[in-house]
PDB file of N, CA and C in Angstrom:
ATOM      1  N   MET A   1       0.849  -0.969  -0.438  1.00  0.00           N
ATOM      2  CA  MET A   1       0.134  -0.089   0.441  1.00  0.00           C
ATOM      3  C   MET A   1       0.872   1.609   0.740  1.00  0.00           C
ATOM      4  N   GLU A   2       0.658   2.287  -0.596  1.00  0.00           N
ATOM      5  CA  GLU A   2       0.691   3.533  -0.953  1.00  0.00           C
ATOM      6  C   GLU A   2       1.239   4.404   0.817  1.00  0.00           C
ATOM      7  N   LYS A   3       2.295   5.033   0.586  1.00  0.00           N
ATOM      8  CA  LYS A   3       2.020   5.819   1.921  1.00  0.00           C
ATOM      9  C   LYS A   3       1.058   6.606   1.091  1.00  0.00           C
ATOM     10  N   LEU A   4       0.619   6.903   1.975  1.00  0.00           N
ATOM     11  CA  LEU A   4      -0.506   8.276   2.042  1.00  0.00           C
ATOM     12  C   LEU A   4       1.119  10.219   1.928  1.00  0.00           C
ATOM     13  N   PRO A   5      -0.070  11.260   1.750  1.00  0.00           N
ATOM     14  CA  PRO A   5       1.245  12.400   2.214  1.00  0.00           C
ATOM     15  C   PRO A   5       1.005  12.360   3.202  1.00  0.00           C
ATOM     16  N   TYR A   6       0.151  12.964   3.903  1.00  0.00           N
ATOM     17  CA  TYR A   6      -0.325  13.289   5.136  1.00  0.00           C
ATOM     18  C   TYR A   6      -0.354  12.558   6.368  1.00  0.00           C
ATOM     19  N   GLY A   7       0.127  11.017   6.026  1.00  0.00           N
ATOM     20  CA  GLY A   7       0.023   9.707   6.934  1.00  0.00           C
ATOM     21  C   GLY A   7      -1.298   9.204   7.248  1.00  0.00           C
ATOM     22  N   PRO A   8      -1.371   9.194   8.232  1.00  0.00           N
ATOM     23  CA  PRO A   8      -2.371   7.727   8.067  1.00  0.00           C
ATOM     24  C   PRO A   8      -3.814   9.140   9.483  1.00  0.00           C
ATOM     25  N   PRO A   9      -5.069   8.070   9.199  1.00  0.00           N
ATOM     26  CA  PRO A   9      -5.999   9.957   8.963  1.00  0.00           C
ATOM     27  C   PRO A   9      -5.384   9.511  10.508  1.00  0.00           C
ATOM     28  N   TYR A  10      -6.893  10.300  11.265  1.00  0.00           N
ATOM     29  CA  TYR A  10      -6.798  10.831  12.235  1.00  0.00           C
ATOM     30  C   TYR A  10      -7.932  10.123  13.522  1.00  0.00           C
ATOM     31  N   PRO A  11      -8.273   8.913  14.218  1.00  0.00           N
ATOM     32  CA  PRO A  11      -9.270   7.952  15.070  1.00  0.00           C
ATOM     33  C   PRO A  11      -9.965   9.298  15.059  1.00  0.00           C
ATOM     34  N   VAL A  12     -11.577   9.152  14.714  1.00  0.00           N
ATOM     35  CA  VAL A  12     -12.467  10.222  15.089  1.00  0.00           C
ATOM     36  C   VAL A  12     -12.649   9.573  16.372  1.00  0.00           C
ATOM     37  N   SER A  13     -13.247  10.073  17.730  1.00  0.00           N
ATOM     38  CA  SER A  13     -14.413  10.394  18.603  1.00  0.00           C
ATOM     39  C   SER A  13     -15.951   9.251  18.075  1.00  0.00           C
ATOM     40  N   PRO A  14     -15.629   8.336  19.271  1.00  0.00           N
ATOM     41  CA  PRO A  14     -16.714   7.660  19.251  1.00  0.00           C
ATOM     42  C   PRO A  14     -18.124   8.751  19.361  1.00  0.00           C
ATOM     43  N   LEU A  15     -17.894  10.079  20.463  1.00  0.00           N
ATOM     44  CA  LEU A  15     -18.541  10.683  20.872  1.00  0.00           C
ATOM     45  C   LEU A  15     -19.644  11.476  19.269  1.00  0.00           C
ATOM     46  N   ILE A  16     -18.375  12.044  18.745  1.00  0.00           N
ATOM     47  CA  ILE A  16     -18.235  12.745  17.333  1.00  0.00           C
ATOM     48  C   ILE A  16     -18.928  11.837  16.304  1.00  0.00           C
ATOM     49  N   ARG A  17     -18.362  11.125  16.239  1.00  0.00           N
ATOM     50  CA  ARG A  17     -19.263  10.512  15.244  1.00  0.00           C
ATOM     51  C   ARG A  17     -20.754  10.058  15.272  1.00  0.00           C
ATOM     52  N   SER A  18     -21.361  10.055  16.711  1.00  0.00           N
ATOM     53  CA  SER A  18     -22.963  10.179  16.818  1.00  0.00           C
ATOM     54  C   SER A  18     -22.671  10.918  16.445  1.00  0.00           C
ATOM     55  N   ALA A  19     -22.557  11.981  16.899  1.00  0.00           N
ATOM     56  CA  ALA A  19     -23.748  13.141  17.518  1.00  0.00           C
ATOM     57  C   ALA A  19     -23.919  14.137  15.830  1.00  0.00           C
ATOM     58  N   ARG A  20     -22.353  12.705  14.802  1.00  0.00           N
ATOM     59  CA  ARG A  20     -23.001  13.728  13.569  1.00  0.00           C
ATOM     60  C   ARG A  20     -24.078  12.673  13.395  1.00  0.00           C
ATOM     61  N   TYR A  21     -24.056  11.006  13.809  1.00  0.00           N
ATOM     62  CA  TYR A  21     -25.312  11.015  12.931  1.00  0.00           C
ATOM     63  C   TYR A  21     -26.308  12.010  13.335  1.00  0.00           C
ATOM     64  N   ALA A  22     -26.294  11.498  14.389  1.00  0.00           N
ATOM     65  CA  ALA A  22     -27.424  12.066  15.252  1.00  0.00           C
ATOM     66  C   ALA A  22     -28.168  13.538  14.798  1.00  0.00           C
ATOM     67  N   PHE A  23     -26.705  14.779  14.555  1.00  0.00           N
ATOM     68  CA  PHE A  23     -27.051  15.883  14.244  1.00  0.00           C
ATOM     69  C   PHE A  23     -28.057  15.842  12.797  1.00  0.00           C
ATOM     70  N   LEU A  24     -27.018  14.867  11.870  1.00  0.00           N
ATOM     71  CA  LEU A  24     -28.770  14.373  11.008  1.00  0.00           C
ATOM     72  C   LEU A  24     -29.143  13.780  10.752  1.00  0.00           C
ATOM     73  N   PHE A  25     -29.823  12.822  12.391  1.00  0.00           N
ATOM     74  CA  PHE A  25     -31.213  12.323  11.952  1.00  0.00           C
ATOM     75  C   PHE A  25     -31.295  13.665  12.611  1.00  0.00           C
ATOM     76  N   ALA A  26     -31.862  14.447  12.695  1.00  0.00           N
ATOM     77  CA  ALA A  26     -32.492  15.159  13.832  1.00  0.00           C
ATOM     78  C   ALA A  26     -32.578  16.162  12.742  1.00  0.00           C
ATOM     79  N   GLY A  27     -31.895  16.418  11.403  1.00  0.00           N
ATOM     80  CA  GLY A  27     -31.630  17.358  10.097  1.00  0.00           C
ATOM     81  C   GLY A  27     -32.995  16.808   9.814  1.00  0.00           C
ATOM     82  N   ILE A  28     -33.020  15.197   9.547  1.00  0.00           N
ATOM     83  CA  ILE A  28     -33.641  15.160   8.257  1.00  0.00           C
ATOM     84  C   ILE A  28     -35.836  14.997   8.836  1.00  0.00           C
ATOM     85  N   VAL A  29     -35.560  14.822  10.033  1.00  0.00           N
ATOM     86  CA  VAL A  29     -36.403  14.540  11.000  1.00  0.00           C
ATOM     87  C   VAL A  29     -36.625  16.069  10.849  1.00  0.00           C
ATOM     88  N   TYR A  30     -36.191  17.481  10.440  1.00  0.00           N
ATOM     89  CA  TYR A  30     -36.863  18.750  10.997  1.00  0.00           C
ATOM     90  C   TYR A  30     -36.874  19.229   9.726  1.00  0.00           C
ATOM     91  N   GLY A  31     -36.532  18.375   8.846  1.00  0.00           N
ATOM     92  CA  GLY A  31     -37.194  18.604   6.907  1.00  0.00           C
ATOM     93  C   GLY A  31     -37.995  18.359   6.530  1.00  0.00           C
ATOM     94  N   LEU A  32     -38.366  17.276   7.056  1.00  0.00           N
ATOM     95  CA  LEU A  32     -39.707  16.599   7.282  1.00  0.00           C
ATOM     96  C   LEU A  32     -41.456  16.978   7.877  1.00  0.00           C
ATOM     97  N   VAL A  33     -40.662  16.940   9.220  1.00  0.00           N
ATOM     98  CA  VAL A  33     -41.820  17.666  10.259  1.00  0.00           C
ATOM     99  C   VAL A  33     -42.114  19.852   9.070  1.00  0.00           C
ATOM    100  N   LYS A  34     -41.550  20.774   8.847  1.00  0.00           N
ATOM    101  CA  LYS A  34     -41.609  21.378   8.524  1.00  0.00           C
ATOM    102  C   LYS A  34     -41.475  20.859   6.689  1.00  0.00           C
ATOM    103  N   GLN A  35     -41.793  20.799   6.343  1.00  0.00           N
ATOM    104  CA  GLN A  35     -42.010  19.325   4.475  1.00  0.00           C
ATOM    105  C   GLN A  35     -43.932  19.108   4.364  1.00  0.00           C
ATOM    106  N   SER A  36     -44.007  19.244   5.454  1.00  0.00           N
ATOM    107  CA  SER A  36     -45.539  19.014   5.726  1.00  0.00           C
ATOM    108  C   SER A  36     -45.453  20.152   6.441  1.00  0.00           C
ATOM    109  N   LYS A  37     -45.591  21.086   7.331  1.00  0.00           N
ATOM    110  CA  LYS A  37     -46.458  22.075   7.201  1.00  0.00           C
ATOM    111  C   LYS A  37     -46.701  23.375   6.465  1.00  0.00           C
ATOM    112  N   TYR A  38     -45.467  22.843   5.406  1.00  0.00           N
ATOM    113  CA  TYR A  38     -45.316  24.380   4.225  1.00  0.00           C
ATOM    114  C   TYR A  38     -46.822  23.080   3.378  1.00  0.00           C
ATOM    115  N   SER A  39     -46.172  21.775   3.258  1.00  0.00           N
ATOM    116  CA  SER A  39     -47.389  20.933   2.128  1.00  0.00           C
ATOM    117  C   SER A  39     -48.803  21.729   2.263  1.00  0.00           C
ATOM    118  N   ALA A  40     -49.195  21.842   3.937  1.00  0.00           N
ATOM    119  CA  ALA A  40     -50.265  21.888   4.624  1.00  0.00           C
ATOM    120  C   ALA A  40     -50.982  22.911   3.867  1.00  0.00           C
ATOM    121  N   GLN A  41     -49.868  24.570   4.185  1.00  0.00           N
ATOM    122  CA  GLN A  41     -49.745  25.531   4.353  1.00  0.00           C
ATOM    123  C   GLN A  41     -50.468  25.830   2.385  1.00  0.00           C
ATOM    124  N   GLU A  42     -49.798  24.675   2.072  1.00  0.00           N
ATOM    125  CA  GLU A  42     -49.506  25.493   0.604  1.00  0.00           C
ATOM    126  C   GLU A  42     -51.128  24.634   0.065  1.00  0.00           C
ATOM    127  N   GLU A  43     -51.335  23.313  -0.451  1.00  0.00           N
ATOM    128  CA  GLU A  43     -52.497  22.736  -0.451  1.00  0.00           C
ATOM    129  C   GLU A  43     -53.725  24.094   0.371  1.00  0.00           C
ATOM    130  N   LYS A  44     -54.132  23.633   1.186  1.00  0.00           N
ATOM    131  CA  LYS A  44     -54.662  25.413   1.345  1.00  0.00           C
ATOM    132  C   LYS A  44     -55.272  27.002   0.780  1.00  0.00           C
ATOM    133  N   TRP A  45     -53.426  27.047   0.533  1.00  0.00           N
ATOM    134  CA  TRP A  45     -53.729  27.898  -0.350  1.00  0.00           C
ATOM    135  C   TRP A  45     -53.986  28.182  -1.860  1.00  0.00           C
ATOM    136  N   ARG A  46     -54.029  27.251  -2.004  1.00  0.00           N
ATOM    137  CA  ARG A  46     -54.369  26.860  -3.003  1.00  0.00           C
ATOM    138  C   ARG A  46     -55.441  26.417  -3.633  1.00  0.00           C
ATOM    139  N   GLU A  47     -56.300  25.921  -2.734  1.00  0.00           N
ATOM    140  CA  GLU A  47     -57.805  25.329  -2.930  1.00  0.00           C
ATOM    141  C   GLU A  47     -58.516  27.037  -2.964  1.00  0.00           C
ATOM    142  N   GLU A  48     -58.249  27.843  -1.896  1.00  0.00           N
ATOM    143  CA  GLU A  48     -58.009  29.047  -2.282  1.00  0.00           C
ATOM    144  C   GLU A  48     -58.227  29.767  -3.618  1.00  0.00           C
ATOM    145  N   GLU A  49     -57.089  29.690  -4.042  1.00  0.00           N
ATOM    146  CA  GLU A  49     -56.400  30.382  -4.875  1.00  0.00           C
ATOM    147  C   GLU A  49     -57.099  29.970  -5.713  1.00  0.00           C
ATOM    148  N   ALA A  50     -57.912  28.322  -6.520  1.00  0.00           N
ATOM    149  CA  ALA A  50     -59.125  28.282  -7.195  1.00  0.00           C
ATOM    150  C   ALA A  50     -59.889  28.746  -7.264  1.00  0.00           C
ATOM    151  N   LYS A  51     -61.075  29.351  -5.567  1.00  0.00           N
ATOM    152  CA  LYS A  51     -61.569  30.251  -5.350  1.00  0.00           C
ATOM    153  C   LYS A  51     -61.236  30.653  -6.080  1.00  0.00           C
ATOM    154  N   ARG A  52     -60.620  31.955  -6.256  1.00  0.00           N
ATOM    155  CA  ARG A  52     -60.453  32.953  -6.448  1.00  0.00           C
ATOM    156  C   ARG A  52     -60.386  33.188  -7.856  1.00  0.00           C
ATOM    157  N   LYS A  53     -59.355  31.953  -8.537  1.00  0.00           N
ATOM    158  CA  LYS A  53     -59.339  31.851  -9.930  1.00  0.00           C
ATOM    159  C   LYS A  53     -60.831  32.059 -10.428  1.00  0.00           C
ATOM    160  N   LYS A  54     -61.729  31.270  -9.920  1.00  0.00           N
ATOM    161  CA  LYS A  54     -63.124  30.905 -10.547  1.00  0.00           C
ATOM    162  C   LYS A  54     -63.936  32.435 -10.596  1.00  0.00           C
ATOM    163  N   ILE A  55     -64.555  33.101  -9.689  1.00  0.00           N
ATOM    164  CA  ILE A  55     -64.380  34.580  -9.126  1.00  0.00           C
ATOM    165  C   ILE A  55     -63.794  35.545 -10.354  1.00  0.00           C
ATOM    166  N   ARG A  56     -62.428  35.551 -10.439  1.00  0.00           N
ATOM    167  CA  ARG A  56     -62.286  35.957 -11.764  1.00  0.00           C
ATOM    168  C   ARG A  56     -62.133  35.573 -12.795  1.00  0.00           C
ATOM    169  N   ASP A  57     -62.335  33.905 -13.094  1.00  0.00           N
ATOM    170  CA  ASP A  57     -62.825  33.769 -14.406  1.00  0.00           C
ATOM    171  C   ASP A  57     -64.563  34.536 -14.437  1.00  0.00           C
ATOM    172  N   LYS A  58     -64.843  34.342 -13.858  1.00  0.00           N
ATOM    173  CA  LYS A  58     -66.186  34.448 -13.888  1.00  0.00           C
ATOM    174  C   LYS A  58     -66.219  35.884 -14.316  1.00  0.00           C
ATOM    175  N   GLN A  59     -65.865  37.023 -14.078  1.00  0.00           N
ATOM    176  CA  GLN A  59     -65.461  38.517 -13.703  1.00  0.00           C
ATOM    177  C   GLN A  59     -65.453  39.101 -14.835  1.00  0.00           C
ATOM    178  N   ASN A  60     -64.044  38.106 -15.538  1.00  0.00           N
ATOM    179  CA  ASN A  60     -63.169  38.424 -16.901  1.00  0.00           C
ATOM    180  C   ASN A  60     -64.450  37.608 -18.267  1.00  0.00           C
ATOM    181  N   ALA A  61     -65.166  37.113 -18.344  1.00  0.00           N
ATOM    182  CA  ALA A  61     -66.091  36.034 -18.690  1.00  0.00           C
ATOM    183  C   ALA A  61     -67.140  37.165 -19.140  1.00  0.00           C
ATOM    184  N   ILE A  62     -67.299  37.948 -18.019  1.00  0.00           N
ATOM    185  CA  ILE A  62     -68.273  38.831 -17.888  1.00  0.00           C
ATOM    186  C   ILE A  62     -67.940  40.532 -18.745  1.00  0.00           C
ATOM    187  N   LEU A  63     -66.255  40.809 -18.172  1.00  0.00           N
ATOM    188  CA  LEU A  63     -66.534  41.317 -19.234  1.00  0.00           C
ATOM    189  C   LEU A  63     -66.069  41.762 -20.628  1.00  0.00           C
ATOM    190  N   LYS A  64     -64.756  40.859 -21.331  1.00  0.00           N
ATOM    191  CA  LYS A  64     -64.109  40.403 -22.362  1.00  0.00           C
ATOM    192  C   LYS A  64     -66.119  40.337 -22.945  1.00  0.00           C
ATOM    193  N   ALA A  65     -67.445  40.145 -22.549  1.00  0.00           N
ATOM    194  CA  ALA A  65     -68.514  40.051 -23.428  1.00  0.00           C
ATOM    195  C   ALA A  65     -69.254  41.349 -23.102  1.00  0.00           C
ATOM    196  N   ARG A  66     -69.276  42.011 -22.265  1.00  0.00           N
ATOM    197  CA  ARG A  66     -69.883  43.878 -22.311  1.00  0.00           C
ATOM    198  C   ARG A  66     -69.141  44.609 -23.383  1.00  0.00           C
ATOM    199  N   ILE A  67     -67.158  44.125 -23.487  1.00  0.00           N
ATOM    200  CA  ILE A  67     -66.279  44.515 -24.218  1.00  0.00           C
ATOM    201  C   ILE A  67     -66.985  43.799 -25.704  1.00  0.00           C
ATOM    202  N   ALA A  68     -67.721  43.573 -26.436  1.00  0.00           N
ATOM    203  CA  ALA A  68     -67.108  43.169 -27.116  1.00  0.00           C
ATOM    204  C   ALA A  68     -69.597  42.471 -27.835  1.00  0.00           C
ATOM    205  N   ARG A  69     -69.569  43.413 -26.402  1.00  0.00           N
ATOM    206  CA  ARG A  69     -71.487  44.169 -27.575  1.00  0.00           C
ATOM    207  C   ARG A  69     -71.433  45.674 -27.001  1.00  0.00           C
ATOM    208  N   GLU A  70     -70.312  45.966 -26.770  1.00  0.00           N
ATOM    209  CA  GLU A  70     -69.553  47.500 -26.532  1.00  0.00           C
ATOM    210  C   GLU A  70     -69.047  47.374 -28.290  1.00  0.00           C
ATOM    211  N   GLU A  71     -68.072  47.186 -28.803  1.00  0.00           N
ATOM    212  CA  GLU A  71     -67.336  46.139 -29.755  1.00  0.00           C
ATOM    213  C   GLU A  71     -68.641  46.629 -31.231  1.00  0.00           C
ATOM    214  N   LYS A  72     -69.160  45.637 -30.703  1.00  0.00           N
ATOM    215  CA  LYS A  72     -70.603  45.407 -31.695  1.00  0.00           C
ATOM    216  C   LYS A  72     -71.308  46.195 -32.505  1.00  0.00           C
ATOM    217  N   GLU A  73     -71.899  46.895 -31.115  1.00  0.00           N
ATOM    218  CA  GLU A  73     -72.483  48.362 -30.831  1.00  0.00           C
ATOM    219  C   GLU A  73     -71.720  50.330 -32.231  1.00  0.00           C
ATOM    220  N   THR A  74     -70.969  49.796 -31.663  1.00  0.00           N
ATOM    221  CA  THR A  74     -69.264  50.520 -32.230  1.00  0.00           C
ATOM    222  C   THR A  74     -68.936  50.378 -33.980  1.00  0.00           C
ATOM    223  N   LEU A  75     -69.464  48.872 -33.806  1.00  0.00           N
ATOM    224  CA  LEU A  75     -69.466  49.100 -35.254  1.00  0.00           C
ATOM    225  C   LEU A  75     -70.151  49.093 -36.312  1.00  0.00           C
ATOM    226  N   LYS A  76     -71.378  48.675 -35.865  1.00  0.00           N
ATOM    227  CA  LYS A  76     -72.865  49.202 -35.601  1.00  0.00           C
ATOM    228  C   LYS A  76     -73.012  50.254 -36.210  1.00  0.00           C
ATOM    229  N   LEU A  77     -72.301  51.671 -35.669  1.00  0.00           N
ATOM    230  CA  LEU A  77     -72.301  52.944 -35.712  1.00  0.00           C
ATOM    231  C   LEU A  77     -71.916  53.526 -37.099  1.00  0.00           C
ATOM    232  N   LEU A  78     -70.876  52.936 -36.455  1.00  0.00           N
ATOM    233  CA  LEU A  78     -69.387  52.900 -38.083  1.00  0.00           C
ATOM    234  C   LEU A  78     -69.671  52.655 -38.711  1.00  0.00           C
ATOM    235  N   GLU A  79     -70.301  51.598 -38.977  1.00  0.00           N
ATOM    236  CA  GLU A  79     -70.655  51.249 -40.613  1.00  0.00           C
ATOM    237  C   GLU A  79     -71.997  52.102 -41.346  1.00  0.00           C
ATOM    238  N   SER A  80     -72.390  52.551 -40.378  1.00  0.00           N
ATOM    239  CA  SER A  80     -73.872  53.456 -41.013  1.00  0.00           C
ATOM    240  C   SER A  80     -73.497  54.693 -40.850  1.00  0.00           C
ATOM    241  N   GLY A  81     -71.650  54.537 -40.043  1.00  0.00           N
ATOM    242  CA  GLY A  81     -72.024  56.456 -39.987  1.00  0.00           C
ATOM    243  C   GLY A  81     -72.063  57.027 -39.484  1.00  0.00           C
ATOM    244  N   LYS A  82     -73.612  56.899 -38.234  1.00  0.00           N
ATOM    245  CA  LYS A  82     -73.919  57.704 -37.230  1.00  0.00           C
ATOM    246  C   LYS A  82     -72.695  57.926 -36.507  1.00  0.00           C
ATOM    247  N   LEU A  83     -71.764  57.731 -36.405  1.00  0.00           N
ATOM    248  CA  LEU A  83     -70.661  57.238 -34.755  1.00  0.00           C
ATOM    249  C   LEU A  83     -70.432  58.648 -34.471  1.00  0.00           C
ATOM    250  N   PHE A  84     -69.548  59.730 -35.665  1.00  0.00           N
ATOM    251  CA  PHE A  84     -69.301  60.651 -35.334  1.00  0.00           C
ATOM    252  C   PHE A  84     -70.284  61.555 -35.928  1.00  0.00           C
ATOM    253  N   GLU A  85     -72.234  61.784 -35.805  1.00  0.00           N
ATOM    254  CA  GLU A  85     -72.734  61.712 -36.228  1.00  0.00           C
ATOM    255  C   GLU A  85     -73.305  62.403 -33.713  1.00  0.00           C
ATOM    256  N   VAL A  86     -73.563  63.675 -33.560  1.00  0.00           N
ATOM    257  CA  VAL A  86     -73.933  64.532 -32.598  1.00  0.00           C
ATOM    258  C   VAL A  86     -75.184  64.493 -32.666  1.00  0.00           C
ATOM    259  N   PRO A  87     -75.574  63.518 -31.187  1.00  0.00           N
ATOM    260  CA  PRO A  87     -77.528  62.874 -31.296  1.00  0.00           C
ATOM    261  C   PRO A  87     -77.571  65.434 -30.630  1.00  0.00           C
ATOM    262  N   GLU A  88     -78.709  65.001 -31.325  1.00  0.00           N
ATOM    263  CA  GLU A  88     -80.437  66.191 -30.392  1.00  0.00           C
ATOM    264  C   GLU A  88     -79.607  66.959 -29.262  1.00  0.00           C
ATOM    265  N   GLU A  89     -80.167  65.793 -28.882  1.00  0.00           N
ATOM    266  CA  GLU A  89     -79.576  66.170 -27.060  1.00  0.00           C
ATOM    267  C   GLU A  89     -78.582  66.707 -26.379  1.00  0.00           C
ATOM    268  N   ALA A  90     -77.964  66.698 -27.322  1.00  0.00           N
ATOM    269  CA  ALA A  90     -75.934  67.002 -27.464  1.00  0.00           C
ATOM    270  C   ALA A  90     -75.443  68.546 -28.213  1.00  0.00           C
ATOM    271  N   ARG A  91     -76.363  68.772 -29.111  1.00  0.00           N
ATOM    272  CA  ARG A  91     -76.593  69.861 -29.600  1.00  0.00           C
ATOM    273  C   ARG A  91     -76.494  70.770 -28.894  1.00  0.00           C
ATOM    274  N   PRO A  92     -75.281  72.183 -29.467  1.00  0.00           N
ATOM    275  CA  PRO A  92     -76.409  73.002 -28.649  1.00  0.00           C
ATOM    276  C   PRO A  92     -77.436  74.015 -29.165  1.00  0.00           C
ATOM    277  N   GLU A  93     -77.806  74.937 -28.928  1.00  0.00           N
ATOM    278  CA  GLU A  93     -79.459  75.321 -28.416  1.00  0.00           C
ATOM    279  C   GLU A  93     -79.342  76.198 -29.950  1.00  0.00           C
ATOM    280  N   SER A  94     -78.446  76.646 -29.697  1.00  0.00           N
ATOM    281  CA  SER A  94     -78.616  77.307 -31.127  1.00  0.00           C
ATOM    282  C   SER A  94     -78.774  76.316 -32.621  1.00  0.00           C
ATOM    283  N   GLU A  95     -77.631  75.527 -32.064  1.00  0.00           N
ATOM    284  CA  GLU A  95     -77.662  74.779 -33.475  1.00  0.00           C
ATOM    285  C   GLU A  95     -78.819  74.403 -33.915  1.00  0.00           C
ATOM    286  N   THR A  96     -79.740  73.930 -33.078  1.00  0.00           N
ATOM    287  CA  THR A  96     -81.381  73.070 -33.181  1.00  0.00           C
ATOM    288  C   THR A  96     -82.207  74.082 -33.721  1.00  0.00           C
ATOM    289  N   ASP A  97     -82.290  75.263 -33.139  1.00  0.00           N
ATOM    290  CA  ASP A  97     -82.768  76.276 -33.200  1.00  0.00           C
ATOM    291  C   ASP A  97     -82.578  76.600 -34.737  1.00  0.00           C
ATOM    292  N   THR A  98     -83.802  76.066 -35.869  1.00  0.00           N
ATOM    293  CA  THR A  98     -84.035  75.989 -37.361  1.00  0.00           C
ATOM    294  C   THR A  98     -84.132  77.885 -37.561  1.00  0.00           C
ATOM    295  N   GLU A  99     -84.701  78.475 -36.849  1.00  0.00           N
ATOM    296  CA  GLU A  99     -85.876  79.592 -37.133  1.00  0.00           C
ATOM    297  C   GLU A  99     -86.228  80.615 -36.439  1.00  0.00           C
ATOM    298  N   LEU A 100     -85.957  81.979 -36.020  1.00  0.00           N
ATOM    299  CA  LEU A 100     -85.895  82.862 -35.309  1.00  0.00           C
ATOM    300  C   LEU A 100     -87.460  83.686 -34.471  1.00  0.00           C
ATOM    301  N   SER A 101     -87.036  83.983 -33.849  1.00  0.00           N
ATOM    302  CA  SER A 101     -88.352  85.100 -33.689  1.00  0.00           C
ATOM    303  C   SER A 101     -89.405  85.242 -33.785  1.00  0.00           C
ATOM    304  N   CYS A 102     -87.803  85.964 -35.181  1.00  0.00           N
ATOM    305  CA  CYS A 102     -89.278  86.796 -36.290  1.00  0.00           C
ATOM    306  C   CYS A 102     -89.890  85.747 -36.891  1.00  0.00           C
ATOM    307  N   GLY A 103     -89.588  84.351 -37.439  1.00  0.00           N
ATOM    308  CA  GLY A 103     -90.382  83.858 -38.542  1.00  0.00           C
ATOM    309  C   GLY A 103     -88.961  83.761 -39.410  1.00  0.00           C
ATOM    310  N   LYS A 104     -88.284  83.791 -39.128  1.00  0.00           N
ATOM    311  CA  LYS A 104     -87.280  83.785 -40.972  1.00  0.00           C
ATOM    312  C   LYS A 104     -86.196  83.092 -41.161  1.00  0.00           C
ATOM    313  N   PRO A 105     -85.721  81.948 -41.060  1.00  0.00           N
ATOM    314  CA  PRO A 105     -85.107  81.163 -41.174  1.00  0.00           C
ATOM    315  C   PRO A 105     -83.243  81.702 -40.824  1.00  0.00           C
ATOM    316  N   LYS A 106     -82.448  80.743 -40.110  1.00  0.00           N
ATOM    317  CA  LYS A 106     -81.504  81.536 -39.299  1.00  0.00           C
ATOM    318  C   LYS A 106     -80.345  81.090 -40.199  1.00  0.00           C
ATOM    319  N   LYS A 107     -79.721  82.488 -39.850  1.00  0.00           N
ATOM    320  CA  LYS A 107     -78.474  82.432 -41.323  1.00  0.00           C
ATOM    321  C   LYS A 107     -77.786  83.103 -39.643  1.00  0.00           C
ATOM    322  N   LYS A 108     -76.152  82.772 -40.110  1.00  0.00           N
ATOM    323  CA  LYS A 108     -74.930  83.906 -39.934  1.00  0.00           C
ATOM    324  C   LYS A 108     -75.081  84.712 -38.484  1.00  0.00           C
ATOM    325  N   THR A 109     -75.452  85.420 -39.701  1.00  0.00           N
ATOM    326  CA  THR A 109     -75.638  86.951 -39.042  1.00  0.00           C
ATOM    327  C   THR A 109     -76.901  86.900 -39.198  1.00  0.00           C
ATOM    328  N   CYS A 110     -77.601  88.266 -37.498  1.00  0.00           N
ATOM    329  CA  CYS A 110     -79.176  87.981 -37.749  1.00  0.00           C
ATOM    330  C   CYS A 110     -79.181  90.124 -37.822  1.00  0.00           C
ATOM    331  N   HIS A 111     -79.888  90.521 -39.426  1.00  0.00           N
ATOM    332  CA  HIS A 111     -79.951  91.763 -38.557  1.00  0.00           C
ATOM    333  C   HIS A 111     -81.888  91.763 -37.814  1.00  0.00           C
ATOM    334  N   CYS A 112     -82.467  90.932 -37.279  1.00  0.00           N
ATOM    335  CA  CYS A 112     -83.774  90.589 -37.171  1.00  0.00           C
ATOM    336  C   CYS A 112     -83.866  91.867 -36.685  1.00  0.00           C
ATOM    337  N   ASN A 113     -83.020  92.793 -35.873  1.00  0.00           N
ATOM    338  CA  ASN A 113     -83.355  93.818 -34.515  1.00  0.00           C
ATOM    339  C   ASN A 113     -83.387  94.967 -35.728  1.00  0.00           C
ATOM    340  N   ASP A 114     -83.257  95.654 -36.553  1.00  0.00           N
ATOM    341  CA  ASP A 114     -83.616  96.130 -37.693  1.00  0.00           C
ATOM    342  C   ASP A 114     -84.195  96.733 -38.507  1.00  0.00           C
TER     343      ASP A 114
END
């Protein structure tokens, strides 16, 4: 057998060996306990998230339906040419009146009081 460059291994105390295995075992147990705890928390969170997802999906479906309906109405107005027309109730009074108080047709300049 070849001679080792640093000499033979140093004998490790049985106390240190048993402590190493005890800490190894304790770490494994600690990890299992923590994993079970976190698994339970994660399962609870996933259930809550599934409920929130159902609600969110319903809200998104309603929103998409509303957007589609509004888009369809806008396209109808655009195709008919009524999209850019100003409704009667939104026009100023001066534009909706066709006759003046004197009975003459409305013009840009009025000389009714002349």
